[in-house]
């Protein structure tokens, strides 16, 4: 499995590393510059478009993998150096090739839309309409869950919502150096481990795609680590959200032949932090009477900075929280009953509740401090 993981990770990482480096030179010429503003945390103009490195690393690796699988499938017999368990899955990988290219096509469209938004700005209504349209197209192409319901429409609607939510969740998270990319790297590696080690029958196709996504993110993070020399922009964050959303569905996390139904909760645990961030931010904005897509500094990471953490430590804290909830998702594959599974979910929810309490206390303290500084002082005798 280690050789398989490295074979998927390494080329994606190298392609992404090189392409992101090129984008650092090209982005200023194309007008892709993120300038400091009141709602942003960076203080110097920084190139955008690093997401093209992620896209290139993933798409390039998957295209090479497809050509390799097609060549191996055309042979009368697999070569001796190919492990038998992987050789047995070659027909299945070719059968899913159409879904892979449909998913890549949707991702490329999102990346183009993201570049337009980064360069010129696109209204949130137009972006959201495209997100729903692409989600509907992907679901119509056969990428959807069943959710134990006989009527397929229920699974299709929930899958479309899952895709739209994750696209926007990772877009929302792209507000500090290495934040969205780091969370994506942790999540994709955990999902890849699930697909190759935690299930009785490894899903090499989906696992390989997740390892390739991890490698592409690692190459980008080399340039995005604090202080970031380039940002992924909407092109990268929306592409990342779409890939994780669809690959988790394609992975068929619940197989009635081998698994118990509670493993369907694993993606919710692994992605608990992005889901918590988008939910809390949307609720805060709605409570304040603003659009849920109006940018501000109300995100999980921003609220940690309000508590007194430096930006790198706030990002590290969010990464550790993601790792913690993700381990809970992995443990779901090692328990046999709903009681144990619900205890794991309860631990994840308690962690998020502790975070929410600490954030609210810190935010109210900051607001009181700011209020006391602006109140008129009594005149001296």
Protein backbone atom coordinates (compact mmCIF):
# COMPACT_ATOMS: atom_id res chain seq x y z
CA UNK A 1 0.00 0.00 0.00
CA UNK A 2 2.92 2.34 0.76
CA UNK A 3 4.27 2.02 -2.80
CA UNK A 4 0.79 2.69 -4.17
CA UNK A 5 0.38 5.78 -1.99
CA UNK A 6 3.78 7.19 -2.97
CA UNK A 7 3.10 6.48 -6.66
CA UNK A 8 -0.05 8.60 -6.42
CA UNK A 9 1.30 11.28 -4.08
CA UNK A 10 4.71 12.01 -5.56
CA UNK A 11 3.83 13.03 -9.14
CA UNK A 12 0.87 15.12 -7.97
CA UNK A 13 3.09 16.88 -5.44
CA UNK A 14 5.84 17.62 -7.99
CA UNK A 15 3.42 18.91 -10.64
CA UNK A 16 1.63 21.10 -8.10
CA UNK A 17 4.91 22.37 -6.66
CA UNK A 18 6.16 23.42 -10.10
CA UNK A 19 2.85 24.87 -11.34
CA UNK A 20 2.28 26.88 -8.18
CA UNK A 21 5.79 28.28 -8.50
CA UNK A 22 5.01 29.35 -12.07
CA UNK A 23 1.75 30.95 -10.94
CA UNK A 24 3.70 33.10 -8.49
CA UNK A 25 5.33 34.69 -11.56
CA UNK A 26 2.34 34.72 -13.89
CA UNK A 27 -0.43 35.82 -11.52
CA UNK A 28 0.68 39.49 -11.24
CA UNK A 29 0.76 39.76 -15.05
CA UNK A 30 -2.81 38.46 -15.21
CA UNK A 31 -4.08 40.81 -12.53
CA UNK A 32 -4.52 38.01 -9.99
CA UNK A 33 -3.48 39.90 -6.87
CA UNK A 34 -5.18 39.80 -3.48
CA UNK A 35 -4.72 43.24 -1.94
CA UNK A 36 -5.07 43.94 1.79
CA UNK A 37 -8.50 45.10 2.98
CA UNK A 38 -10.42 45.54 6.22
CA UNK A 39 -11.96 42.05 6.06
CA UNK A 40 -8.63 40.35 5.27
CA UNK A 41 -5.76 39.36 7.54
CA UNK A 42 -2.78 39.69 5.18
CA UNK A 43 -0.93 43.00 5.02
CA UNK A 44 0.92 42.81 1.69
CA UNK A 45 -0.38 42.24 -1.86
CA UNK A 46 -0.17 38.50 -2.57
CA UNK A 47 -0.59 36.59 -5.86
CA UNK A 48 -3.72 34.51 -6.36
CA UNK A 49 -4.22 31.51 -8.63
CA UNK A 50 -2.25 28.97 -6.61
CA UNK A 51 -5.27 26.74 -6.93
CA UNK A 52 -4.17 26.04 -10.51
CA UNK A 53 -1.23 24.17 -8.99
CA UNK A 54 -3.66 21.95 -7.08
CA UNK A 55 -5.79 21.44 -10.19
CA UNK A 56 -2.77 20.65 -12.36
CA UNK A 57 -1.28 18.23 -9.84
CA UNK A 58 -4.52 16.30 -9.45
CA UNK A 59 -5.65 16.30 -13.09
CA UNK A 60 -2.18 15.53 -14.44
CA UNK A 61 -1.72 12.59 -12.09
CA UNK A 62 -5.17 11.17 -12.74
CA UNK A 63 -4.71 11.52 -16.51
CA UNK A 64 -1.40 9.63 -16.31
CA UNK A 65 -3.02 6.99 -14.11
CA UNK A 66 -5.86 6.56 -16.58
CA UNK A 67 -3.44 6.06 -19.47
CA UNK A 68 -1.51 3.54 -17.38
CA UNK A 69 -4.65 1.61 -16.43
CA UNK A 70 -5.85 1.66 -20.05
CA UNK A 71 -2.48 0.24 -21.20
CA UNK A 72 -2.51 -2.48 -18.53
CA UNK A 73 -6.11 -3.39 -19.35
CA UNK A 74 -5.24 -3.78 -23.03
CA UNK A 75 -2.68 -6.50 -22.28
CA UNK A 76 -3.67 -10.15 -22.46
CA UNK A 77 -2.39 -10.63 -18.90
CA UNK A 78 -1.20 -8.23 -16.21
CA UNK A 79 2.59 -7.88 -15.81
CA UNK A 80 4.19 -9.86 -13.02
CA UNK A 81 5.25 -6.80 -11.05
CA UNK A 82 1.65 -5.63 -10.60
CA UNK A 83 0.16 -6.75 -7.24
CA UNK A 84 -2.71 -9.23 -7.83
CA UNK A 85 -5.22 -7.30 -5.69
CA UNK A 86 -4.64 -4.14 -7.76
CA UNK A 87 -4.70 -6.07 -11.06
CA UNK A 88 -8.11 -7.48 -10.12
CA UNK A 89 -9.51 -3.95 -9.87
CA UNK A 90 -8.35 -2.76 -13.31
CA UNK A 91 -11.70 -3.52 -15.03
CA UNK A 92 -13.57 -1.65 -12.29
CA UNK A 93 -11.25 1.35 -12.63
CA UNK A 94 -11.86 1.50 -16.39
CA UNK A 95 -15.61 1.20 -15.81
CA UNK A 96 -15.47 4.27 -13.56
CA UNK A 97 -13.33 6.31 -15.94
CA UNK A 98 -16.37 8.15 -17.30
CA UNK A 99 -17.28 9.31 -13.79
CA UNK A 100 -13.70 10.45 -13.22
CA UNK A 101 -13.65 12.60 -16.36
CA UNK A 102 -17.09 14.00 -15.61
CA UNK A 103 -15.86 14.96 -12.13
CA UNK A 104 -12.68 16.50 -13.53
CA UNK A 105 -14.72 18.44 -16.10
CA UNK A 106 -16.93 19.86 -13.35
CA UNK A 107 -13.83 20.73 -11.33
CA UNK A 108 -12.24 22.56 -14.25
CA UNK A 109 -15.40 24.60 -14.77
CA UNK A 110 -15.33 25.56 -11.09
CA UNK A 111 -11.67 26.51 -11.36
CA UNK A 112 -12.38 28.78 -14.33
CA UNK A 113 -15.26 30.41 -12.46
CA UNK A 114 -12.96 30.85 -9.47
CA UNK A 115 -10.32 32.55 -11.58
CA UNK A 116 -12.92 34.95 -12.97
CA UNK A 117 -14.10 35.71 -9.44
CA UNK A 118 -10.53 36.30 -8.28
CA UNK A 119 -9.73 38.57 -11.21
CA UNK A 120 -12.95 40.54 -11.73
CA UNK A 121 -15.46 39.44 -9.12
CA UNK A 122 -18.60 37.37 -9.67
CA UNK A 123 -21.78 37.84 -7.65
CA UNK A 124 -22.45 35.22 -5.00
CA UNK A 125 -25.83 34.49 -6.56
CA UNK A 126 -24.25 33.61 -9.89
CA UNK A 127 -21.59 31.49 -8.20
CA UNK A 128 -24.17 29.65 -6.10
CA UNK A 129 -26.30 28.99 -9.19
CA UNK A 130 -23.27 27.43 -10.92
CA UNK A 131 -22.53 25.34 -7.81
CA UNK A 132 -26.06 23.92 -7.77
CA UNK A 133 -25.99 23.37 -11.53
CA UNK A 134 -22.72 21.44 -11.40
CA UNK A 135 -23.89 19.46 -8.37
CA UNK A 136 -27.07 18.47 -10.23
CA UNK A 137 -25.04 17.47 -13.29
CA UNK A 138 -22.64 15.36 -11.23
CA UNK A 139 -25.52 13.63 -9.44
CA UNK A 140 -27.28 12.99 -12.75
CA UNK A 141 -24.03 11.39 -13.93
CA UNK A 142 -24.33 8.72 -11.26
CA UNK A 143 -22.37 10.15 -8.32
CA UNK A 144 -24.85 10.01 -5.44
CA UNK A 145 -25.54 8.19 -2.19
CA UNK A 146 -28.50 5.95 -1.34
CA UNK A 147 -28.79 6.70 2.42
CA UNK A 148 -30.76 3.47 3.05
CA UNK A 149 -33.80 4.98 1.31
CA UNK A 150 -35.51 3.09 -1.50
CA UNK A 151 -36.48 6.21 -3.44
CA UNK A 152 -33.33 7.41 -5.26
CA UNK A 153 -34.45 11.05 -5.31
CA UNK A 154 -33.75 11.43 -1.58
CA UNK A 155 -30.13 10.35 -1.95
CA UNK A 156 -29.69 12.51 -5.03
CA UNK A 157 -30.98 15.67 -3.32
CA UNK A 158 -28.88 15.09 -0.21
CA UNK A 159 -25.79 14.43 -2.34
CA UNK A 160 -26.30 17.65 -4.31
CA UNK A 161 -26.63 19.62 -1.06
CA UNK A 162 -23.52 17.86 0.32
CA UNK A 163 -21.54 18.94 -2.75
CA UNK A 164 -22.70 22.57 -2.60
CA UNK A 165 -22.05 22.81 1.15
CA UNK A 166 -18.49 21.45 0.89
CA UNK A 167 -17.64 23.65 -2.10
CA UNK A 168 -18.57 26.70 -0.06
CA UNK A 169 -17.16 25.35 3.22
CA UNK A 170 -13.63 25.12 1.81
CA UNK A 171 -14.09 28.46 0.08
CA UNK A 172 -15.06 30.00 3.43
CA UNK A 173 -12.05 28.38 5.11
CA UNK A 174 -9.57 29.97 2.71
CA UNK A 175 -8.97 32.98 4.96
CA UNK A 176 -5.51 32.38 6.46
CA UNK A 177 -2.19 31.00 5.26
CA UNK A 178 -2.25 27.18 4.88
CA UNK A 179 -5.69 26.88 6.49
CA UNK A 180 -7.96 25.50 3.77
CA UNK A 181 -5.13 23.59 2.09
CA UNK A 182 -3.99 22.06 5.38
CA UNK A 183 -7.49 20.92 6.32
CA UNK A 184 -7.94 19.50 2.82
CA UNK A 185 -4.66 17.61 3.13
CA UNK A 186 -5.62 16.10 6.50
CA UNK A 187 -9.10 15.13 5.28
CA UNK A 188 -7.97 13.66 1.95
CA UNK A 189 -5.25 11.58 3.63
CA UNK A 190 -7.74 10.25 6.17
CA UNK A 191 -10.27 9.37 3.49
CA UNK A 192 -7.50 7.70 1.48
CA UNK A 193 -6.52 5.60 4.51
CA UNK A 194 -10.16 4.58 4.92
CA UNK A 195 -10.42 3.57 1.27
CA UNK A 196 -7.22 1.49 1.24
CA UNK A 197 -6.82 0.15 4.78
CA UNK A 198 -10.03 0.44 6.80
CA UNK A 199 -12.44 -1.39 4.49
CA UNK A 200 -12.39 -5.15 3.79
CA UNK A 201 -12.17 -4.61 0.03
CA UNK A 202 -9.82 -1.69 -0.80
CA UNK A 203 -11.22 0.95 -3.17
CA UNK A 204 -8.02 1.54 -5.13
CA UNK A 205 -9.64 3.88 -7.66
CA UNK A 206 -11.01 6.33 -5.08
CA UNK A 207 -8.08 5.83 -2.72
CA UNK A 208 -5.62 6.65 -5.49
CA UNK A 209 -7.55 9.80 -6.39
CA UNK A 210 -7.51 10.90 -2.75
CA UNK A 211 -3.76 10.28 -2.47
CA UNK A 212 -3.28 12.31 -5.67
CA UNK A 213 -5.34 15.14 -4.18
CA UNK A 214 -3.20 14.97 -1.04
CA UNK A 215 -0.03 15.23 -3.09
CA UNK A 216 -1.36 18.20 -5.05
CA UNK A 217 -2.22 19.98 -1.79
CA UNK A 218 1.20 19.21 -0.33
CA UNK A 219 2.93 20.77 -3.34
CA UNK A 220 0.78 23.89 -3.06
CA UNK A 221 1.31 24.19 0.71
CA UNK A 222 5.07 24.48 0.16
CA UNK A 223 4.34 27.91 -1.30
CA UNK A 224 1.37 28.71 0.95
CA UNK A 225 2.97 28.04 4.35
CA UNK A 226 3.16 31.18 6.55
CA UNK A 227 4.09 33.71 5.38
CA UNK A 228 2.24 32.69 2.22
CA UNK A 229 3.85 33.60 -1.09
CA UNK A 230 0.66 32.78 -3.01
CA UNK A 231 -3.01 32.06 -2.20
CA UNK A 232 -5.10 29.28 -3.76
CA UNK A 233 -8.01 31.64 -4.44
CA UNK A 234 -11.52 30.51 -5.34
CA UNK A 235 -10.13 28.39 -8.18
CA UNK A 236 -8.43 26.11 -5.66
CA UNK A 237 -10.83 26.18 -2.72
CA UNK A 238 -13.95 25.36 -4.75
CA UNK A 239 -12.11 22.64 -6.72
CA UNK A 240 -10.94 21.12 -3.43
CA UNK A 241 -14.44 21.14 -1.94
CA UNK A 242 -15.94 19.50 -5.04
CA UNK A 243 -13.31 16.75 -5.15
CA UNK A 244 -13.67 15.85 -1.47
CA UNK A 245 -17.46 15.92 -1.65
CA UNK A 246 -17.67 13.66 -4.69
CA UNK A 247 -14.85 11.27 -3.76
CA UNK A 248 -16.43 10.61 -0.37
CA UNK A 249 -19.64 9.66 -2.17
CA UNK A 250 -17.84 7.58 -4.81
CA UNK A 251 -16.01 5.73 -2.03
CA UNK A 252 -19.21 4.01 -0.90
CA UNK A 253 -18.26 4.28 2.75
CA UNK A 254 -21.06 1.91 3.69
CA UNK A 255 -21.05 -1.52 2.06
CA UNK A 256 -23.83 -3.77 3.42
CA UNK A 257 -21.70 -6.84 2.71
CA UNK A 258 -18.94 -5.83 5.12
CA UNK A 259 -19.73 -2.65 7.03
CA UNK A 260 -22.26 -1.51 9.58
CA UNK A 261 -24.51 1.48 8.82
CA UNK A 262 -22.84 3.76 11.37
CA UNK A 263 -19.72 4.12 9.18
CA UNK A 264 -21.82 6.52 7.07
CA UNK A 265 -21.09 9.03 9.84
CA UNK A 266 -17.33 8.93 9.14
CA UNK A 267 -17.30 11.72 6.51
CA UNK A 268 -19.27 13.96 8.88
CA UNK A 269 -16.65 13.41 11.60
CA UNK A 270 -13.63 13.87 9.34
CA UNK A 271 -15.12 17.06 7.87
CA UNK A 272 -16.67 18.26 11.14
CA UNK A 273 -14.49 21.39 11.34
CA UNK A 274 -15.30 22.75 7.84
CA UNK A 275 -18.98 21.99 8.47
CA UNK A 276 -18.83 23.72 11.87
CA UNK A 277 -17.13 26.77 10.37
CA UNK A 278 -19.62 27.32 7.56
CA UNK A 279 -22.61 26.67 9.84
CA UNK A 280 -21.44 29.03 12.59
CA UNK A 281 -20.44 31.79 10.14
CA UNK A 282 -23.76 31.64 8.26
CA UNK A 283 -25.72 31.76 11.54
CA UNK A 284 -23.70 34.75 12.80
CA UNK A 285 -24.25 36.67 9.57
CA UNK A 286 -27.96 35.90 9.45
CA UNK A 287 -28.35 36.93 13.10
CA UNK A 288 -26.70 40.24 12.25
CA UNK A 289 -29.07 40.73 9.31
CA UNK A 290 -26.39 40.33 6.64
CA UNK A 291 -26.01 38.10 3.60
CA UNK A 292 -24.51 34.68 4.48
CA UNK A 293 -22.03 35.23 1.63
CA UNK A 294 -20.82 38.65 2.81
CA UNK A 295 -17.14 38.32 3.64
CA UNK A 296 -16.03 39.23 7.17
CA UNK A 297 -13.78 38.12 10.03
CA UNK A 298 -16.26 35.81 11.78
CA UNK A 299 -14.65 32.51 10.83
CA UNK A 300 -13.33 29.88 13.25
CA UNK A 301 -9.74 31.00 12.65
CA UNK A 302 -10.58 34.70 13.08
CA UNK A 303 -12.35 34.01 16.35
CA UNK A 304 -9.30 32.14 17.63
CA UNK A 305 -7.15 35.18 16.83
CA UNK A 306 -9.62 37.28 18.85
CA UNK A 307 -8.83 35.00 21.79
CA UNK A 308 -5.19 36.09 21.56
CA UNK A 309 -3.63 33.39 19.36
CA UNK A 310 -1.26 34.39 16.60
CA UNK A 311 -2.45 33.57 13.08
CA UNK A 312 -0.06 30.58 12.63
CA UNK A 313 -1.13 29.15 16.00
CA UNK A 314 -4.79 29.69 15.16
CA UNK A 315 -4.27 27.73 11.93
CA UNK A 316 -2.42 24.99 13.82
CA UNK A 317 -5.27 24.80 16.32
CA UNK A 318 -7.82 24.35 13.53
CA UNK A 319 -5.62 21.67 11.95
CA UNK A 320 -5.37 19.80 15.26
CA UNK A 321 -9.12 20.03 15.76
CA UNK A 322 -9.58 18.57 12.26
CA UNK A 323 -7.14 15.78 13.05
CA UNK A 324 -8.97 15.02 16.31
CA UNK A 325 -12.43 14.79 14.77
CA UNK A 326 -10.95 12.83 11.86
CA UNK A 327 -9.51 10.21 14.21
CA UNK A 328 -13.02 9.82 15.56
CA UNK A 329 -14.19 9.13 12.00
CA UNK A 330 -11.51 6.43 11.60
CA UNK A 331 -12.55 4.81 14.89
CA UNK A 332 -16.06 4.31 13.52
CA UNK A 333 -14.58 1.52 11.39
CA UNK A 334 -13.32 -0.26 14.49
CA UNK A 335 -16.55 -0.42 16.50
CA UNK A 336 -19.34 -2.90 15.95
CA UNK A 337 -22.46 -1.32 17.42
CA UNK A 338 -24.43 1.92 17.37
CA UNK A 339 -23.79 2.58 21.07
CA UNK A 340 -20.03 2.80 20.56
CA UNK A 341 -20.48 4.78 17.34
CA UNK A 342 -22.74 7.33 19.04
CA UNK A 343 -20.19 7.74 21.84
CA UNK A 344 -17.58 8.67 19.21
CA UNK A 345 -19.97 11.13 17.60
CA UNK A 346 -20.75 12.56 21.05
CA UNK A 347 -17.03 13.17 21.63
CA UNK A 348 -16.78 15.03 18.31
CA UNK A 349 -19.82 17.15 19.18
CA UNK A 350 -18.43 17.89 22.66
CA UNK A 351 -15.16 19.09 21.13
CA UNK A 352 -17.05 21.44 18.81
CA UNK A 353 -19.21 22.64 21.72
CA UNK A 354 -16.10 23.45 23.79
CA UNK A 355 -14.70 25.40 20.82
CA UNK A 356 -17.98 27.30 20.44
CA UNK A 357 -18.08 28.20 24.14
CA UNK A 358 -14.48 29.42 24.21
CA UNK A 359 -15.04 31.44 21.05
CA UNK A 360 -18.17 33.12 22.38
CA UNK A 361 -16.47 34.02 25.66
CA UNK A 362 -13.46 35.43 23.86
CA UNK A 363 -15.63 37.39 21.43
CA UNK A 364 -17.73 38.95 24.20
CA UNK A 365 -14.57 39.88 26.13
CA UNK A 366 -13.12 41.60 23.07
CA UNK A 367 -16.37 43.46 22.41
CA UNK A 368 -16.56 44.69 26.02
CA UNK A 369 -12.94 45.83 25.86
CA UNK A 370 -13.58 47.73 22.66
CA UNK A 371 -16.75 49.25 24.11
CA UNK A 372 -14.97 50.42 27.26
CA UNK A 373 -12.32 52.15 25.17
CA UNK A 374 -14.92 54.08 23.19
CA UNK A 375 -17.11 55.13 26.14
CA UNK A 376 -16.67 58.83 27.16
CA UNK A 377 -14.63 59.23 30.33
CA UNK A 378 -15.92 61.44 33.19
CA UNK A 379 -14.35 64.86 33.38
CA UNK A 380 -11.64 65.36 35.99
CA UNK A 381 -12.49 67.50 39.06
